[in-house]
Amino acid sequence: MAAEKLRDLSQPIDVALLDATVAAFYGTGSKEEWRMCGVLRKLRNRKG
């Protein structure tokens, strides 16, 4: 899943996937946007 791939900081960040996540976040207000919002929030709150 995309969210798991973005949260795995032991690997280089997939820039295309991150870009798609940000685009979904700032998109139309769809369910996908809200799901990606959760992913971005988890990344922001991650310590490490």
C-alpha atoms as a PDB file:
ATOM      1  CA  MET A   1       0.000   0.000   0.000  1.00  0.00           C
ATOM      2  CA  ALA A   2       1.161   3.522  -0.746  1.00  0.00           C
ATOM      3  CA  ALA A   3       0.865   4.699   2.851  1.00  0.00           C
ATOM      4  CA  GLU A   4       3.118   1.943   4.122  1.00  0.00           C
ATOM      5  CA  LYS A   5       5.695   2.693   1.451  1.00  0.00           C
ATOM      6  CA  LEU A   6       5.786   6.381   2.409  1.00  0.00           C
ATOM      7  CA  ARG A   7       6.081   5.606   6.130  1.00  0.00           C
ATOM      8  CA  ASP A   8       9.014   3.215   5.607  1.00  0.00           C
ATOM      9  CA  LEU A   9      11.829   5.666   6.280  1.00  0.00           C
ATOM     10  CA  SER A  10      14.470   2.939   5.985  1.00  0.00           C
ATOM     11  CA  GLN A  11      14.066   3.305   2.194  1.00  0.00           C
ATOM     12  CA  PRO A  12      14.474   6.394   0.013  1.00  0.00           C
ATOM     13  CA  ILE A  13      11.244   8.359  -0.376  1.00  0.00           C
ATOM     14  CA  ASP A  14       9.350   7.646  -3.592  1.00  0.00           C
ATOM     15  CA  VAL A  15       9.015  11.214  -4.859  1.00  0.00           C
ATOM     16  CA  ALA A  16       6.330  10.360  -7.416  1.00  0.00           C
ATOM     17  CA  LEU A  17       4.248   8.673  -4.723  1.00  0.00           C
ATOM     18  CA  LEU A  18       4.727  11.605  -2.351  1.00  0.00           C
ATOM     19  CA  ASP A  19       3.729  13.987  -5.142  1.00  0.00           C
ATOM     20  CA  ALA A  20       0.564  11.958  -5.800  1.00  0.00           C
ATOM     21  CA  THR A  21      -0.203  12.017  -2.066  1.00  0.00           C
ATOM     22  CA  VAL A  22       0.155  15.794  -1.889  1.00  0.00           C
ATOM     23  CA  ALA A  23      -1.937  16.204  -5.056  1.00  0.00           C
ATOM     24  CA  ALA A  24      -4.673  14.051  -3.500  1.00  0.00           C
ATOM     25  CA  PHE A  25      -4.446  16.082  -0.290  1.00  0.00           C
ATOM     26  CA  TYR A  26      -4.986  19.356  -2.125  1.00  0.00           C
ATOM     27  CA  GLY A  27      -7.474  17.843  -4.596  1.00  0.00           C
ATOM     28  CA  THR A  28     -11.216  17.797  -4.716  1.00  0.00           C
ATOM     29  CA  GLY A  29     -12.124  16.794  -1.172  1.00  0.00           C
ATOM     30  CA  SER A  30     -12.625  13.153  -2.051  1.00  0.00           C
ATOM     31  CA  LYS A  31     -12.274  10.107   0.192  1.00  0.00           C
ATOM     32  CA  GLU A  32      -8.778   9.735  -1.236  1.00  0.00           C
ATOM     33  CA  GLU A  33      -7.902  13.215   0.014  1.00  0.00           C
ATOM     34  CA  TRP A  34      -8.989  12.371   3.529  1.00  0.00           C
ATOM     35  CA  ARG A  35      -7.072   9.081   3.444  1.00  0.00           C
ATOM     36  CA  MET A  36      -3.916  10.863   2.285  1.00  0.00           C
ATOM     37  CA  CYS A  37      -4.431  13.514   4.952  1.00  0.00           C
ATOM     38  CA  GLY A  38      -4.129  10.737   7.515  1.00  0.00           C
ATOM     39  CA  VAL A  39      -0.937   9.487   5.872  1.00  0.00           C
ATOM     40  CA  LEU A  40       0.596  12.967   5.867  1.00  0.00           C
ATOM     41  CA  ARG A  41      -0.412  13.506   9.498  1.00  0.00           C
ATOM     42  CA  LYS A  42       1.256  10.240  10.514  1.00  0.00           C
ATOM     43  CA  LEU A  43       4.425  11.205   8.637  1.00  0.00           C
ATOM     44  CA  ARG A  44       4.458  14.618  10.320  1.00  0.00           C
ATOM     45  CA  ASN A  45       3.983  13.150  13.781  1.00  0.00           C
ATOM     46  CA  ARG A  46       6.626  10.463  13.327  1.00  0.00           C
ATOM     47  CA  LYS A  47       9.679  10.910  15.507  1.00  0.00           C
ATOM     48  CA  GLY A  48      12.924   9.892  14.189  1.00  0.00           C
END
